[in-house]
Amino acid sequence: MPVVTIQQGPKTVEQKRDLIKRITDAFVDAYQVPAEAVDVWFHEVPTDSWGRAGKLTADK
């Protein structure tokens, strides 16, 4: 069973629904597995808990 973990900043429920559907469809197509076998996990990190290019993301 494929398990996909996504680490990201906060997104809307609608965005996550769309991404889960697209990722699941990709695994169904590429691996020929049933959609029920694909798990997608979101690990959302607040913008004050990560940074890029030497700056806290919340400060951008």
PDB file of N, CA and C in Angstrom:
ATOM      1  N   MET A   1       0.834  -1.170   0.000  1.00  0.00           N
ATOM      2  CA  MET A   1       0.000   0.000   0.000  1.00  0.00           C
ATOM      3  C   MET A   1       0.883   1.238   0.000  1.00  0.00           C
ATOM      4  N   PRO A   2       0.772   2.109  -1.001  1.00  0.00           N
ATOM      5  CA  PRO A   2       1.543   3.348  -1.009  1.00  0.00           C
ATOM      6  C   PRO A   2       1.069   4.298   0.081  1.00  0.00           C
ATOM      7  N   VAL A   3       2.024   4.923   0.752  1.00  0.00           N
ATOM      8  CA  VAL A   3       1.737   5.973   1.724  1.00  0.00           C
ATOM      9  C   VAL A   3       2.528   7.201   1.294  1.00  0.00           C
ATOM     10  N   VAL A   4       1.837   8.291   1.037  1.00  0.00           N
ATOM     11  CA  VAL A   4       2.459   9.539   0.613  1.00  0.00           C
ATOM     12  C   VAL A   4       2.357  10.517   1.776  1.00  0.00           C
ATOM     13  N   THR A   5       3.486  11.097   2.180  1.00  0.00           N
ATOM     14  CA  THR A   5       3.489  12.096   3.235  1.00  0.00           C
ATOM     15  C   THR A   5       3.891  13.439   2.644  1.00  0.00           C
ATOM     16  N   ILE A   6       3.093  14.446   2.905  1.00  0.00           N
ATOM     17  CA  ILE A   6       3.333  15.777   2.374  1.00  0.00           C
ATOM     18  C   ILE A   6       3.602  16.709   3.548  1.00  0.00           C
ATOM     19  N   GLN A   7       4.756  17.341   3.533  1.00  0.00           N
ATOM     20  CA  GLN A   7       5.080  18.346   4.536  1.00  0.00           C
ATOM     21  C   GLN A   7       4.915  19.704   3.876  1.00  0.00           C
ATOM     22  N   GLN A   8       4.117  20.559   4.501  1.00  0.00           N
ATOM     23  CA  GLN A   8       3.816  21.844   3.886  1.00  0.00           C
ATOM     24  C   GLN A   8       3.314  22.821   4.925  1.00  0.00           C
ATOM     25  N   GLY A   9       3.213  24.065   4.504  1.00  0.00           N
ATOM     26  CA  GLY A   9       2.532  25.062   5.311  1.00  0.00           C
ATOM     27  C   GLY A   9       1.036  24.848   5.203  1.00  0.00           C
ATOM     28  N   PRO A  10       0.273  25.526   6.029  1.00  0.00           N
ATOM     29  CA  PRO A  10      -1.183  25.354   6.034  1.00  0.00           C
ATOM     30  C   PRO A  10      -1.815  25.647   4.665  1.00  0.00           C
ATOM     31  N   LYS A  11      -2.744  24.786   4.276  1.00  0.00           N
ATOM     32  CA  LYS A  11      -3.529  24.944   3.041  1.00  0.00           C
ATOM     33  C   LYS A  11      -5.002  24.774   3.383  1.00  0.00           C
ATOM     34  N   THR A  12      -5.863  25.160   2.464  1.00  0.00           N
ATOM     35  CA  THR A  12      -7.302  25.001   2.699  1.00  0.00           C
ATOM     36  C   THR A  12      -7.717  23.550   2.519  1.00  0.00           C
ATOM     37  N   VAL A  13      -8.855  23.221   3.087  1.00  0.00           N
ATOM     38  CA  VAL A  13      -9.401  21.871   2.939  1.00  0.00           C
ATOM     39  C   VAL A  13      -9.644  21.570   1.462  1.00  0.00           C
ATOM     40  N   GLU A  14     -10.122  22.544   0.710  1.00  0.00           N
ATOM     41  CA  GLU A  14     -10.385  22.332  -0.715  1.00  0.00           C
ATOM     42  C   GLU A  14      -9.101  21.997  -1.470  1.00  0.00           C
ATOM     43  N   GLN A  15      -8.015  22.702  -1.151  1.00  0.00           N
ATOM     44  CA  GLN A  15      -6.737  22.421  -1.807  1.00  0.00           C
ATOM     45  C   GLN A  15      -6.256  21.010  -1.476  1.00  0.00           C
ATOM     46  N   LYS A  16      -6.413  20.604  -0.224  1.00  0.00           N
ATOM     47  CA  LYS A  16      -5.971  19.264   0.176  1.00  0.00           C
ATOM     48  C   LYS A  16      -6.827  18.178  -0.469  1.00  0.00           C
ATOM     49  N   ARG A  17      -8.131  18.422  -0.566  1.00  0.00           N
ATOM     50  CA  ARG A  17      -9.000  17.447  -1.246  1.00  0.00           C
ATOM     51  C   ARG A  17      -8.552  17.241  -2.690  1.00  0.00           C
ATOM     52  N   ASP A  18      -8.282  18.345  -3.379  1.00  0.00           N
ATOM     53  CA  ASP A  18      -7.860  18.270  -4.776  1.00  0.00           C
ATOM     54  C   ASP A  18      -6.537  17.527  -4.907  1.00  0.00           C
ATOM     55  N   LEU A  19      -5.577  17.849  -4.042  1.00  0.00           N
ATOM     56  CA  LEU A  19      -4.273  17.198  -4.132  1.00  0.00           C
ATOM     57  C   LEU A  19      -4.363  15.705  -3.828  1.00  0.00           C
ATOM     58  N   ILE A  20      -5.134  15.325  -2.829  1.00  0.00           N
ATOM     59  CA  ILE A  20      -5.311  13.900  -2.511  1.00  0.00           C
ATOM     60  C   ILE A  20      -5.886  13.154  -3.710  1.00  0.00           C
ATOM     61  N   LYS A  21      -6.865  13.751  -4.358  1.00  0.00           N
ATOM     62  CA  LYS A  21      -7.467  13.106  -5.543  1.00  0.00           C
ATOM     63  C   LYS A  21      -6.435  12.927  -6.646  1.00  0.00           C
ATOM     64  N   ARG A  22      -5.658  13.974  -6.914  1.00  0.00           N
ATOM     65  CA  ARG A  22      -4.659  13.901  -7.986  1.00  0.00           C
ATOM     66  C   ARG A  22      -3.564  12.874  -7.674  1.00  0.00           C
ATOM     67  N   ILE A  23      -3.093  12.859  -6.437  1.00  0.00           N
ATOM     68  CA  ILE A  23      -2.046  11.905  -6.051  1.00  0.00           C
ATOM     69  C   ILE A  23      -2.585  10.476  -6.131  1.00  0.00           C
ATOM     70  N   THR A  24      -3.783  10.268  -5.612  1.00  0.00           N
ATOM     71  CA  THR A  24      -4.383   8.929  -5.663  1.00  0.00           C
ATOM     72  C   THR A  24      -4.544   8.469  -7.103  1.00  0.00           C
ATOM     73  N   ASP A  25      -5.055   9.330  -7.963  1.00  0.00           N
ATOM     74  CA  ASP A  25      -5.228   8.975  -9.375  1.00  0.00           C
ATOM     75  C   ASP A  25      -3.891   8.616 -10.025  1.00  0.00           C
ATOM     76  N   ALA A  26      -2.831   9.326  -9.659  1.00  0.00           N
ATOM     77  CA  ALA A  26      -1.508   9.040 -10.231  1.00  0.00           C
ATOM     78  C   ALA A  26      -1.022   7.650  -9.830  1.00  0.00           C
ATOM     79  N   PHE A  27      -1.216   7.271  -8.575  1.00  0.00           N
ATOM     80  CA  PHE A  27      -0.803   5.940  -8.134  1.00  0.00           C
ATOM     81  C   PHE A  27      -1.656   4.854  -8.774  1.00  0.00           C
ATOM     82  N   VAL A  28      -2.953   5.092  -8.884  1.00  0.00           N
ATOM     83  CA  VAL A  28      -3.836   4.124  -9.540  1.00  0.00           C
ATOM     84  C   VAL A  28      -3.375   3.894 -10.972  1.00  0.00           C
ATOM     85  N   ASP A  29      -3.039   4.965 -11.670  1.00  0.00           N
ATOM     86  CA  ASP A  29      -2.600   4.866 -13.060  1.00  0.00           C
ATOM     87  C   ASP A  29      -1.211   4.234 -13.180  1.00  0.00           C
ATOM     88  N   ALA A  30      -0.268   4.696 -12.386  1.00  0.00           N
ATOM     89  CA  ALA A  30       1.119   4.244 -12.526  1.00  0.00           C
ATOM     90  C   ALA A  30       1.360   2.854 -11.949  1.00  0.00           C
ATOM     91  N   TYR A  31       0.748   2.551 -10.808  1.00  0.00           N
ATOM     92  CA  TYR A  31       1.018   1.285 -10.109  1.00  0.00           C
ATOM     93  C   TYR A  31      -0.091   0.256 -10.259  1.00  0.00           C
ATOM     94  N   GLN A  32      -1.194   0.673 -10.871  1.00  0.00           N
ATOM     95  CA  GLN A  32      -2.335  -0.225 -11.052  1.00  0.00           C
ATOM     96  C   GLN A  32      -2.816  -0.803  -9.722  1.00  0.00           C
ATOM     97  N   VAL A  33      -2.934   0.066  -8.725  1.00  0.00           N
ATOM     98  CA  VAL A  33      -3.460  -0.331  -7.419  1.00  0.00           C
ATOM     99  C   VAL A  33      -4.835   0.306  -7.250  1.00  0.00           C
ATOM    100  N   PRO A  34      -5.685  -0.291  -6.420  1.00  0.00           N
ATOM    101  CA  PRO A  34      -6.987   0.350  -6.186  1.00  0.00           C
ATOM    102  C   PRO A  34      -6.813   1.633  -5.375  1.00  0.00           C
ATOM    103  N   ALA A  35      -7.690   2.576  -5.592  1.00  0.00           N
ATOM    104  CA  ALA A  35      -7.624   3.857  -4.878  1.00  0.00           C
ATOM    105  C   ALA A  35      -7.638   3.641  -3.369  1.00  0.00           C
ATOM    106  N   GLU A  36      -8.344   2.628  -2.914  1.00  0.00           N
ATOM    107  CA  GLU A  36      -8.440   2.341  -1.482  1.00  0.00           C
ATOM    108  C   GLU A  36      -7.098   1.943  -0.862  1.00  0.00           C
ATOM    109  N   ALA A  37      -6.128   1.624  -1.692  1.00  0.00           N
ATOM    110  CA  ALA A  37      -4.813   1.212  -1.193  1.00  0.00           C
ATOM    111  C   ALA A  37      -3.859   2.386  -1.008  1.00  0.00           C
ATOM    112  N   VAL A  38      -4.269   3.577  -1.423  1.00  0.00           N
ATOM    113  CA  VAL A  38      -3.385   4.744  -1.387  1.00  0.00           C
ATOM    114  C   VAL A  38      -3.739   5.629  -0.192  1.00  0.00           C
ATOM    115  N   ASP A  39      -2.762   5.842   0.686  1.00  0.00           N
ATOM    116  CA  ASP A  39      -2.940   6.755   1.819  1.00  0.00           C
ATOM    117  C   ASP A  39      -2.129   8.013   1.566  1.00  0.00           C
ATOM    118  N   VAL A  40      -2.720   9.160   1.859  1.00  0.00           N
ATOM    119  CA  VAL A  40      -2.021  10.439   1.748  1.00  0.00           C
ATOM    120  C   VAL A  40      -2.124  11.129   3.106  1.00  0.00           C
ATOM    121  N   TRP A  41      -0.969  11.511   3.645  1.00  0.00           N
ATOM    122  CA  TRP A  41      -0.914  12.153   4.956  1.00  0.00           C
ATOM    123  C   TRP A  41      -0.363  13.557   4.798  1.00  0.00           C
ATOM    124  N   PHE A  42      -1.007  14.511   5.412  1.00  0.00           N
ATOM    125  CA  PHE A  42      -0.499  15.875   5.437  1.00  0.00           C
ATOM    126  C   PHE A  42       0.126  16.157   6.800  1.00  0.00           C
ATOM    127  N   HIS A  43       1.305  16.699   6.773  1.00  0.00           N
ATOM    128  CA  HIS A  43       1.965  17.187   7.975  1.00  0.00           C
ATOM    129  C   HIS A  43       2.120  18.684   7.766  1.00  0.00           C
ATOM    130  N   GLU A  44       1.210  19.446   8.360  1.00  0.00           N
ATOM    131  CA  GLU A  44       1.224  20.888   8.160  1.00  0.00           C
ATOM    132  C   GLU A  44       2.034  21.568   9.263  1.00  0.00           C
ATOM    133  N   VAL A  45       2.933  22.416   8.829  1.00  0.00           N
ATOM    134  CA  VAL A  45       3.821  23.130   9.730  1.00  0.00           C
ATOM    135  C   VAL A  45       3.449  24.613   9.695  1.00  0.00           C
ATOM    136  N   PRO A  46       3.197  25.220  10.846  1.00  0.00           N
ATOM    137  CA  PRO A  46       2.882  26.650  10.859  1.00  0.00           C
ATOM    138  C   PRO A  46       4.023  27.465  10.258  1.00  0.00           C
ATOM    139  N   THR A  47       3.671  28.591   9.654  1.00  0.00           N
ATOM    140  CA  THR A  47       4.695  29.404   8.989  1.00  0.00           C
ATOM    141  C   THR A  47       5.733  29.967   9.952  1.00  0.00           C
ATOM    142  N   ASP A  48       5.426  29.976  11.244  1.00  0.00           N
ATOM    143  CA  ASP A  48       6.431  30.438  12.210  1.00  0.00           C
ATOM    144  C   ASP A  48       7.327  29.313  12.704  1.00  0.00           C
ATOM    145  N   SER A  49       7.220  28.147  12.071  1.00  0.00           N
ATOM    146  CA  SER A  49       8.015  26.992  12.492  1.00  0.00           C
ATOM    147  C   SER A  49       8.967  26.492  11.413  1.00  0.00           C
ATOM    148  N   TRP A  50       9.163  27.260  10.339  1.00  0.00           N
ATOM    149  CA  TRP A  50      10.133  26.885   9.307  1.00  0.00           C
ATOM    150  C   TRP A  50      10.551  28.133   8.537  1.00  0.00           C
ATOM    151  N   GLY A  51      11.657  27.991   7.838  1.00  0.00           N
ATOM    152  CA  GLY A  51      12.163  29.133   7.088  1.00  0.00           C
ATOM    153  C   GLY A  51      12.831  28.721   5.798  1.00  0.00           C
ATOM    154  N   ARG A  52      13.167  29.741   5.011  1.00  0.00           N
ATOM    155  CA  ARG A  52      13.842  29.523   3.740  1.00  0.00           C
ATOM    156  C   ARG A  52      14.740  30.729   3.490  1.00  0.00           C
ATOM    157  N   ALA A  53      15.892  30.464   2.941  1.00  0.00           N
ATOM    158  CA  ALA A  53      16.843  31.513   2.568  1.00  0.00           C
ATOM    159  C   ALA A  53      17.202  32.404   3.751  1.00  0.00           C
ATOM    160  N   GLY A  54      17.298  31.794   4.923  1.00  0.00           N
ATOM    161  CA  GLY A  54      17.729  32.524   6.098  1.00  0.00           C
ATOM    162  C   GLY A  54      16.653  33.351   6.773  1.00  0.00           C
ATOM    163  N   LYS A  55      15.388  33.190   6.353  1.00  0.00           N
ATOM    164  CA  LYS A  55      14.309  33.980   6.944  1.00  0.00           C
ATOM    165  C   LYS A  55      13.162  33.074   7.366  1.00  0.00           C
ATOM    166  N   LEU A  56      12.543  33.416   8.474  1.00  0.00           N
ATOM    167  CA  LEU A  56      11.357  32.707   8.931  1.00  0.00           C
ATOM    168  C   LEU A  56      10.226  32.950   7.930  1.00  0.00           C
ATOM    169  N   THR A  57       9.563  31.909   7.539  1.00  0.00           N
ATOM    170  CA  THR A  57       8.509  32.022   6.523  1.00  0.00           C
ATOM    171  C   THR A  57       7.406  32.989   6.956  1.00  0.00           C
ATOM    172  N   ALA A  58       7.106  33.034   8.219  1.00  0.00           N
ATOM    173  CA  ALA A  58       6.059  33.936   8.718  1.00  0.00           C
ATOM    174  C   ALA A  58       6.429  35.401   8.505  1.00  0.00           C
ATOM    175  N   ASP A  59       7.716  35.705   8.340  1.00  0.00           N
ATOM    176  CA  ASP A  59       8.155  37.079   8.163  1.00  0.00           C
ATOM    177  C   ASP A  59       8.118  37.542   6.717  1.00  0.00           C
ATOM    178  N   LYS A  60       7.778  36.703   5.815  1.00  0.00           N
ATOM    179  CA  LYS A  60       7.764  37.088   4.397  1.00  0.00           C
ATOM    180  C   LYS A  60       6.485  37.773   4.031  1.00  0.00           C
TER     181      LYS A  60
END
